Every structure is written in structure tokens, then in C-alpha cells.
């Protein structure tokens, strides 16, 4: 299981330091080199999609590493 989380860390995606709800949009914008405002608007639009938006956001929240490299799902499973 450790190799799975290590592969997520190697992607380079991290939660953004300027976060509102978990830093998902800020982290994606930072990695993709685009505007945080644009990504936040796209995330809001995705949340309007029934089931897919909220589910995808929750998966990203559980799997995207914080700035220090820790992953919430990994911490939960290691307890």
C-alpha cells in the first residue's frame, strides 16, 4: 500500500497553501500553472453535477498530499 501512496506523491500534485476548502483547487491550479479562480469556478461547476462532482472532490480530498507530503487516507489507514 505504501507504493500506491508514494506514486501519488511523485505526481507532484499538492494541496495549495492558499486553501479555502482543503486546498484542492489551489493545488490543482498550482500544478497545472493556471489561475486559482478559474479552477475554483470549474470545481464549483463540477459540484453541481449529480454525484460525480462531490464524489470526485471527496476522492481528491482523501488522496492529495498536504504541503508536507502527508496524505489523509494514508494517515487514516495507518492508525
N, C-alpha and C. Protein backbone atom coordinates (compact mmCIF):
# COMPACT_ATOMS: atom_id res chain seq x y z
N UNK A 1 0.82 -1.19 0.00
CA UNK A 1 0.00 0.00 0.00
C UNK A 1 0.87 1.26 0.00
N UNK A 2 2.05 1.16 0.58
CA UNK A 2 2.95 2.32 0.64
C UNK A 2 3.35 2.77 -0.76
N UNK A 3 3.56 1.82 -1.67
CA UNK A 3 3.97 2.19 -3.03
C UNK A 3 2.86 2.97 -3.74
N UNK A 4 1.60 2.66 -3.42
CA UNK A 4 0.48 3.40 -4.00
C UNK A 4 0.53 4.87 -3.57
N UNK A 5 0.72 5.11 -2.29
CA UNK A 5 0.77 6.48 -1.79
C UNK A 5 2.05 7.19 -2.26
N UNK A 6 3.14 6.45 -2.38
CA UNK A 6 4.37 7.06 -2.91
C UNK A 6 4.19 7.48 -4.37
N UNK A 7 3.46 6.70 -5.14
CA UNK A 7 3.22 7.07 -6.54
C UNK A 7 2.36 8.32 -6.62
N UNK A 8 1.43 8.50 -5.70
CA UNK A 8 0.63 9.72 -5.66
C UNK A 8 1.52 10.92 -5.36
N UNK A 9 2.44 10.77 -4.43
CA UNK A 9 3.36 11.86 -4.08
C UNK A 9 4.24 12.24 -5.27
N UNK A 10 4.64 11.26 -6.08
CA UNK A 10 5.52 11.52 -7.22
C UNK A 10 4.84 12.29 -8.34
N UNK A 11 3.51 12.35 -8.35
CA UNK A 11 2.81 13.09 -9.41
C UNK A 11 3.08 14.59 -9.31
N UNK A 12 3.46 15.06 -8.15
CA UNK A 12 3.74 16.48 -7.98
C UNK A 12 2.55 17.31 -7.55
N UNK A 13 1.37 16.71 -7.49
CA UNK A 13 0.20 17.45 -7.02
C UNK A 13 0.26 17.57 -5.50
N UNK A 14 0.03 18.77 -5.01
CA UNK A 14 -0.03 19.05 -3.57
C UNK A 14 -1.19 20.00 -3.34
N UNK A 15 -1.75 19.93 -2.17
CA UNK A 15 -2.77 20.91 -1.81
C UNK A 15 -2.13 22.28 -1.76
N UNK A 16 -2.85 23.26 -2.25
CA UNK A 16 -2.30 24.60 -2.30
C UNK A 16 -2.25 25.27 -0.94
N UNK A 17 -1.27 26.14 -0.75
CA UNK A 17 -1.18 26.85 0.52
C UNK A 17 -2.31 27.86 0.70
N UNK A 18 -2.86 28.39 -0.39
CA UNK A 18 -3.98 29.33 -0.30
C UNK A 18 -5.29 28.58 -0.40
N UNK A 19 -5.63 27.85 0.63
CA UNK A 19 -6.79 26.97 0.53
C UNK A 19 -8.05 27.59 1.14
N UNK A 20 -9.17 27.16 0.60
CA UNK A 20 -10.48 27.55 1.14
C UNK A 20 -11.14 26.30 1.72
N UNK A 21 -11.32 25.28 0.90
CA UNK A 21 -11.89 24.01 1.36
C UNK A 21 -10.89 22.89 1.08
N UNK A 22 -9.91 22.75 1.89
CA UNK A 22 -8.95 21.67 1.73
C UNK A 22 -7.81 21.94 0.77
N UNK A 23 -7.85 23.00 0.01
CA UNK A 23 -6.76 23.34 -0.89
C UNK A 23 -6.72 22.56 -2.18
N UNK A 24 -7.79 21.86 -2.52
CA UNK A 24 -7.80 21.03 -3.72
C UNK A 24 -7.66 21.91 -4.97
N UNK A 25 -8.49 22.93 -5.11
CA UNK A 25 -8.45 23.79 -6.29
C UNK A 25 -7.13 24.54 -6.38
N UNK A 26 -6.64 25.04 -5.25
CA UNK A 26 -5.37 25.77 -5.25
C UNK A 26 -4.21 24.86 -5.64
N UNK A 27 -4.22 23.63 -5.17
CA UNK A 27 -3.17 22.68 -5.53
C UNK A 27 -3.21 22.30 -6.99
N UNK A 28 -4.42 22.07 -7.53
CA UNK A 28 -4.55 21.74 -8.95
C UNK A 28 -4.10 22.92 -9.81
N UNK A 29 -4.50 24.13 -9.43
CA UNK A 29 -4.11 25.31 -10.20
C UNK A 29 -2.60 25.51 -10.17
N UNK A 30 -2.01 25.30 -9.03
CA UNK A 30 -0.56 25.45 -8.90
C UNK A 30 0.17 24.45 -9.79
N UNK A 31 -0.24 23.21 -9.76
CA UNK A 31 0.41 22.16 -10.54
C UNK A 31 0.21 22.36 -12.04
N UNK A 32 -0.99 22.82 -12.42
CA UNK A 32 -1.31 22.99 -13.83
C UNK A 32 -0.86 24.35 -14.37
N UNK A 33 -0.43 25.23 -13.48
CA UNK A 33 0.04 26.55 -13.89
C UNK A 33 -1.06 27.46 -14.40
N UNK A 34 -2.22 27.38 -13.79
CA UNK A 34 -3.35 28.19 -14.22
C UNK A 34 -3.89 29.00 -13.05
N UNK A 35 -4.90 29.79 -13.31
CA UNK A 35 -5.49 30.66 -12.30
C UNK A 35 -6.27 29.86 -11.26
N UNK A 36 -6.07 30.21 -10.00
CA UNK A 36 -6.80 29.55 -8.91
C UNK A 36 -8.29 29.85 -9.04
N UNK A 37 -8.62 31.06 -9.43
CA UNK A 37 -10.03 31.44 -9.58
C UNK A 37 -10.71 30.59 -10.64
N UNK A 38 -10.04 30.37 -11.76
CA UNK A 38 -10.61 29.54 -12.82
C UNK A 38 -10.85 28.11 -12.34
N UNK A 39 -9.88 27.54 -11.65
CA UNK A 39 -10.03 26.16 -11.16
C UNK A 39 -11.15 26.09 -10.12
N UNK A 40 -11.25 27.10 -9.26
CA UNK A 40 -12.33 27.11 -8.26
C UNK A 40 -13.69 27.18 -8.93
N UNK A 41 -13.81 27.96 -9.99
CA UNK A 41 -15.08 28.01 -10.73
C UNK A 41 -15.40 26.66 -11.37
N UNK A 42 -14.38 26.01 -11.94
CA UNK A 42 -14.60 24.69 -12.53
C UNK A 42 -14.99 23.65 -11.48
N UNK A 43 -14.38 23.75 -10.30
CA UNK A 43 -14.74 22.84 -9.21
C UNK A 43 -16.18 23.08 -8.78
N UNK A 44 -16.58 24.34 -8.66
CA UNK A 44 -17.96 24.65 -8.31
C UNK A 44 -18.94 24.11 -9.34
N UNK A 45 -18.59 24.25 -10.62
CA UNK A 45 -19.44 23.69 -11.67
C UNK A 45 -19.51 22.16 -11.57
N UNK A 46 -18.39 21.54 -11.27
CA UNK A 46 -18.37 20.07 -11.13
C UNK A 46 -19.21 19.61 -9.95
N UNK A 47 -19.25 20.42 -8.90
CA UNK A 47 -20.06 20.06 -7.73
C UNK A 47 -21.55 20.07 -8.05
N UNK A 48 -21.94 20.78 -9.10
CA UNK A 48 -23.34 20.80 -9.50
C UNK A 48 -23.76 19.53 -10.23
N UNK A 49 -22.79 18.78 -10.75
CA UNK A 49 -23.10 17.52 -11.41
C UNK A 49 -23.54 16.51 -10.35
N UNK A 50 -24.66 15.86 -10.57
CA UNK A 50 -25.16 14.93 -9.55
C UNK A 50 -24.22 13.75 -9.31
N UNK A 51 -23.73 13.65 -8.09
CA UNK A 51 -22.91 12.51 -7.68
C UNK A 51 -21.45 12.60 -8.07
N UNK A 52 -21.18 12.91 -9.32
CA UNK A 52 -19.82 12.90 -9.81
C UNK A 52 -18.97 13.98 -9.16
N UNK A 53 -19.47 15.19 -9.10
CA UNK A 53 -18.69 16.31 -8.57
C UNK A 53 -18.30 16.13 -7.13
N UNK A 54 -19.27 15.82 -6.29
CA UNK A 54 -18.99 15.65 -4.86
C UNK A 54 -18.11 14.43 -4.63
N UNK A 55 -18.40 13.35 -5.33
CA UNK A 55 -17.61 12.13 -5.18
C UNK A 55 -16.16 12.34 -5.58
N UNK A 56 -15.95 13.01 -6.71
CA UNK A 56 -14.60 13.28 -7.18
C UNK A 56 -13.85 14.19 -6.20
N UNK A 57 -14.54 15.20 -5.69
CA UNK A 57 -13.90 16.11 -4.73
C UNK A 57 -13.49 15.36 -3.47
N UNK A 58 -14.35 14.47 -2.97
CA UNK A 58 -14.02 13.70 -1.77
C UNK A 58 -12.83 12.77 -2.01
N UNK A 59 -12.77 12.16 -3.20
CA UNK A 59 -11.64 11.30 -3.53
C UNK A 59 -10.35 12.12 -3.57
N UNK A 60 -10.41 13.28 -4.23
CA UNK A 60 -9.23 14.14 -4.28
C UNK A 60 -8.83 14.61 -2.89
N UNK A 61 -9.82 14.93 -2.05
CA UNK A 61 -9.52 15.38 -0.69
C UNK A 61 -8.80 14.28 0.09
N UNK A 62 -9.20 13.04 -0.12
CA UNK A 62 -8.59 11.92 0.61
C UNK A 62 -7.21 11.56 0.08
N UNK A 63 -6.94 11.82 -1.20
CA UNK A 63 -5.70 11.35 -1.82
C UNK A 63 -4.64 12.41 -2.08
N UNK A 64 -5.01 13.68 -2.20
CA UNK A 64 -3.99 14.69 -2.49
C UNK A 64 -3.17 15.00 -1.24
N UNK A 65 -1.86 14.98 -1.38
CA UNK A 65 -0.99 15.24 -0.23
C UNK A 65 -1.03 16.70 0.21
N UNK A 66 -0.81 16.91 1.50
CA UNK A 66 -0.62 18.24 2.04
C UNK A 66 0.75 18.72 1.59
N UNK A 67 1.10 19.94 1.89
CA UNK A 67 2.38 20.51 1.51
C UNK A 67 3.56 19.71 2.10
N UNK A 68 3.36 19.09 3.26
CA UNK A 68 4.44 18.30 3.88
C UNK A 68 4.51 16.86 3.35
N UNK A 69 3.62 16.50 2.41
CA UNK A 69 3.66 15.17 1.80
C UNK A 69 2.76 14.14 2.45
N UNK A 70 2.10 14.47 3.56
CA UNK A 70 1.21 13.51 4.20
C UNK A 70 -0.12 13.44 3.45
N UNK A 71 -0.66 12.25 3.37
CA UNK A 71 -1.92 12.00 2.67
C UNK A 71 -2.96 11.60 3.70
N UNK A 72 -4.13 12.27 3.72
CA UNK A 72 -5.15 11.97 4.73
C UNK A 72 -5.58 10.50 4.77
N UNK A 73 -5.80 9.87 3.63
CA UNK A 73 -6.21 8.46 3.62
C UNK A 73 -5.11 7.55 4.17
N UNK A 74 -3.88 7.86 3.86
CA UNK A 74 -2.77 7.06 4.37
C UNK A 74 -2.69 7.17 5.89
N UNK A 75 -2.85 8.37 6.42
CA UNK A 75 -2.85 8.54 7.88
C UNK A 75 -3.99 7.80 8.52
N UNK A 76 -5.16 7.83 7.88
CA UNK A 76 -6.33 7.13 8.43
C UNK A 76 -6.10 5.62 8.46
N UNK A 77 -5.53 5.07 7.40
CA UNK A 77 -5.31 3.63 7.31
C UNK A 77 -4.17 3.14 8.20
N UNK A 78 -3.24 4.04 8.54
CA UNK A 78 -2.10 3.62 9.34
C UNK A 78 -2.40 3.60 10.84
N UNK A 79 -3.55 4.03 11.23
CA UNK A 79 -3.91 4.03 12.66
C UNK A 79 -4.19 2.65 13.16
